[in-house]
Amino acid sequence: MVDLSVNATVPTVLKSRPRSIFGRIGDRLFSQRHFHLKLLSGTTVGVIVIIFLAGVFLLVTLRNHYQDTLRTHTIEVIRLSSLIENDIASLESGHGGFLLSGSEDYIAPFEKKRDLINHRIEDLTALDSRQSAAAQARHEGPRSCSEMARDRSDAGN
């Protein structure tokens, strides 16, 4: 039988399981201990992330600008080349008309077209040389003022 005179006690403290690693990290992060250090480190990390993102956005913007500049140059070269091609076709048809008919009426338009083609070829060459000079200047880096002044005086002579 059961002895009722013996005081039966139930333990009030339950055995706690060991907390998981995430629980322990969460407890440390959200405790009030070292609050100012946690605030300072969190702010520092935030500022570093903002600076990194600003750098990434700047890099993407510059690459987009360089691609846009290259695209504009390419379209201009294609446009001038197309005009030259059309002028050459017109020149050939005028020359063919002169050869077939022998009429002197075809000579004046032929000369005008030839001059126009030469002018457009010069424009295309100038466009290419400007682009080449700009690319060369980017690769060479900065020059001294005396070198730039000497180059300008040589170009003037």
Protein backbone atom coordinates (compact mmCIF):
# COMPACT_ATOMS: atom_id res chain seq x y z
CA MET A 1 0.00 0.00 0.00
CA VAL A 2 0.92 3.62 -0.26
CA ASP A 3 2.33 5.41 2.66
CA LEU A 4 0.57 8.79 2.81
CA SER A 5 2.81 10.11 5.50
CA VAL A 6 5.65 10.51 3.08
CA ASN A 7 5.58 13.84 1.32
CA ALA A 8 5.59 13.31 -2.40
CA THR A 9 7.13 16.22 -4.27
CA VAL A 10 7.07 16.88 -7.93
CA PRO A 11 10.09 18.69 -9.28
CA THR A 12 9.06 22.17 -10.46
CA VAL A 13 12.07 22.77 -12.66
CA LEU A 14 11.74 20.92 -15.90
CA LYS A 15 14.78 19.71 -17.69
CA SER A 16 15.40 22.11 -20.55
CA ARG A 17 16.64 20.94 -23.86
CA PRO A 18 19.81 22.52 -25.16
CA ARG A 19 18.90 25.37 -27.49
CA SER A 20 19.77 25.17 -31.15
CA ILE A 21 22.61 27.21 -32.57
CA PHE A 22 20.20 29.65 -34.21
CA GLY A 23 18.39 30.16 -30.93
CA ARG A 24 21.63 30.94 -29.10
CA ILE A 25 22.73 33.35 -31.85
CA GLY A 26 19.34 35.06 -31.79
CA ASP A 27 19.52 35.41 -28.01
CA ARG A 28 22.93 37.03 -28.24
CA LEU A 29 21.96 39.36 -31.06
CA PHE A 30 18.79 40.64 -29.45
CA SER A 31 20.01 40.90 -25.88
CA GLN A 32 20.69 44.29 -24.34
CA ARG A 33 24.27 43.39 -23.60
CA HIS A 34 26.74 45.46 -25.72
CA PHE A 35 23.86 47.30 -27.40
CA HIS A 36 25.95 50.26 -28.58
CA LEU A 37 28.58 47.99 -30.15
CA LYS A 38 25.87 46.09 -32.01
CA LEU A 39 24.29 49.35 -33.17
CA LEU A 40 27.64 50.69 -34.41
CA SER A 41 28.55 47.48 -36.24
CA GLY A 42 25.11 47.25 -37.87
CA THR A 43 25.36 50.85 -39.05
CA THR A 44 28.86 50.24 -40.41
CA VAL A 45 27.73 47.20 -42.35
CA GLY A 46 24.78 49.20 -43.76
CA VAL A 47 27.06 52.02 -44.91
CA ILE A 48 29.46 49.55 -46.55
CA VAL A 49 26.59 47.88 -48.43
CA ILE A 50 25.28 51.27 -49.61
CA ILE A 51 28.75 52.30 -50.87
CA PHE A 52 29.16 48.95 -52.64
CA LEU A 53 25.78 49.28 -54.37
CA ALA A 54 26.56 52.88 -55.40
CA GLY A 55 29.82 51.64 -56.96
CA VAL A 56 28.05 48.85 -58.81
CA PHE A 57 25.40 51.24 -60.16
CA LEU A 58 28.10 53.70 -61.25
CA LEU A 59 29.98 50.94 -63.06
CA VAL A 60 26.82 49.78 -64.84
CA THR A 61 25.98 53.36 -65.83
CA LEU A 62 29.46 53.98 -67.26
CA ARG A 63 29.41 50.74 -69.23
CA ASN A 64 26.01 51.67 -70.62
CA HIS A 65 27.35 55.10 -71.62
CA TYR A 66 30.36 53.60 -73.41
CA GLN A 67 28.12 51.12 -75.23
CA ASP A 68 25.78 53.93 -76.25
CA THR A 69 28.71 55.96 -77.58
CA LEU A 70 29.97 52.98 -79.56
CA ARG A 71 26.45 52.29 -80.88
CA THR A 72 26.09 55.91 -82.02
CA HIS A 73 29.45 55.78 -83.80
CA THR A 74 28.54 52.49 -85.48
CA ILE A 75 25.21 53.86 -86.70
CA GLU A 76 26.94 56.96 -88.09
CA VAL A 77 29.50 54.81 -89.95
CA ILE A 78 26.72 52.62 -91.37
CA ARG A 79 24.77 55.70 -92.47
CA LEU A 80 27.75 57.26 -94.25
CA SER A 81 28.69 53.93 -95.84
CA SER A 82 25.14 53.51 -97.12
CA LEU A 83 25.19 57.00 -98.65
CA ILE A 84 28.49 56.24 -100.36
CA GLU A 85 27.13 52.96 -101.66
CA ASN A 86 24.05 54.69 -103.09
CA ASP A 87 26.22 57.37 -104.70
CA ILE A 88 28.44 54.72 -106.29
CA ALA A 89 25.37 52.95 -107.73
CA SER A 90 24.12 56.27 -109.12
CA LEU A 91 27.58 57.01 -110.52
CA GLU A 92 27.68 53.62 -112.24
CA SER A 93 24.28 54.10 -113.82
CA GLY A 94 25.24 57.58 -115.07
CA HIS A 95 28.49 56.23 -116.50
CA GLY A 96 26.59 53.37 -118.15
CA GLY A 97 24.22 55.94 -119.71
CA PHE A 98 27.19 57.86 -121.08
CA LEU A 99 28.77 54.70 -122.50
CA LEU A 100 25.54 53.59 -124.14
CA SER A 101 24.49 56.93 -125.59
CA GLY A 102 27.75 58.82 -125.91
CA SER A 103 25.90 62.00 -124.87
CA GLU A 104 27.88 64.72 -123.08
CA ASP A 105 24.86 65.37 -120.81
CA TYR A 106 26.01 62.56 -118.52
CA ILE A 107 29.47 64.03 -117.83
CA ALA A 108 28.45 66.93 -115.54
CA PRO A 109 26.33 64.75 -113.16
CA PHE A 110 29.12 62.17 -113.22
CA GLU A 111 31.66 64.76 -112.04
CA LYS A 112 29.28 66.07 -109.35
CA LYS A 113 28.66 62.56 -108.04
CA ARG A 114 32.36 61.79 -108.02
CA ASP A 115 33.08 64.93 -105.97
CA LEU A 116 30.21 64.06 -103.63
CA ILE A 117 31.61 60.55 -103.13
CA ASN A 118 35.07 61.94 -102.40
CA HIS A 119 33.58 64.37 -99.87
CA ARG A 120 31.64 61.60 -98.10
CA ILE A 121 34.69 59.35 -98.04
CA GLU A 122 36.61 62.18 -96.37
CA ASP A 123 33.77 62.52 -93.83
CA LEU A 124 33.93 58.80 -93.12
CA THR A 125 37.71 58.91 -92.77
CA ALA A 126 37.47 61.91 -90.42
CA LEU A 127 34.85 60.11 -88.34
CA ASP A 128 37.10 57.07 -88.07
CA SER A 129 40.19 59.15 -87.25
CA ARG A 130 38.29 61.06 -84.51
CA GLN A 131 37.23 57.79 -82.96
CA SER A 132 40.76 56.39 -83.26
CA ALA A 133 42.26 59.53 -81.73
CA ALA A 134 39.81 59.39 -78.82
CA ALA A 135 40.57 55.71 -78.21
CA GLN A 136 44.31 56.37 -78.41
CA ALA A 137 44.01 59.27 -75.97
CA ARG A 138 42.15 57.05 -73.51
CA HIS A 139 44.90 54.44 -73.69
CA GLU A 140 47.79 56.89 -73.50
CA GLY A 141 46.55 58.60 -70.37
CA PRO A 142 47.11 62.22 -69.40
CA ARG A 143 49.88 64.18 -71.06
CA SER A 144 51.73 67.16 -69.72
CA CYS A 145 50.70 70.68 -70.71
CA SER A 146 54.01 71.30 -72.45
CA GLU A 147 53.51 68.26 -74.72
CA MET A 148 50.02 69.41 -75.64
CA ALA A 149 51.24 72.96 -76.37
CA ARG A 150 54.10 71.62 -78.51
CA ASP A 151 51.69 69.41 -80.49
CA ARG A 152 49.40 72.37 -81.13
CA SER A 153 52.24 74.61 -82.24
CA ASP A 154 53.50 71.88 -84.60
CA ALA A 155 50.03 71.50 -86.07
CA GLY A 156 49.84 75.25 -86.65
CA ASN A 157 53.12 75.35 -88.59
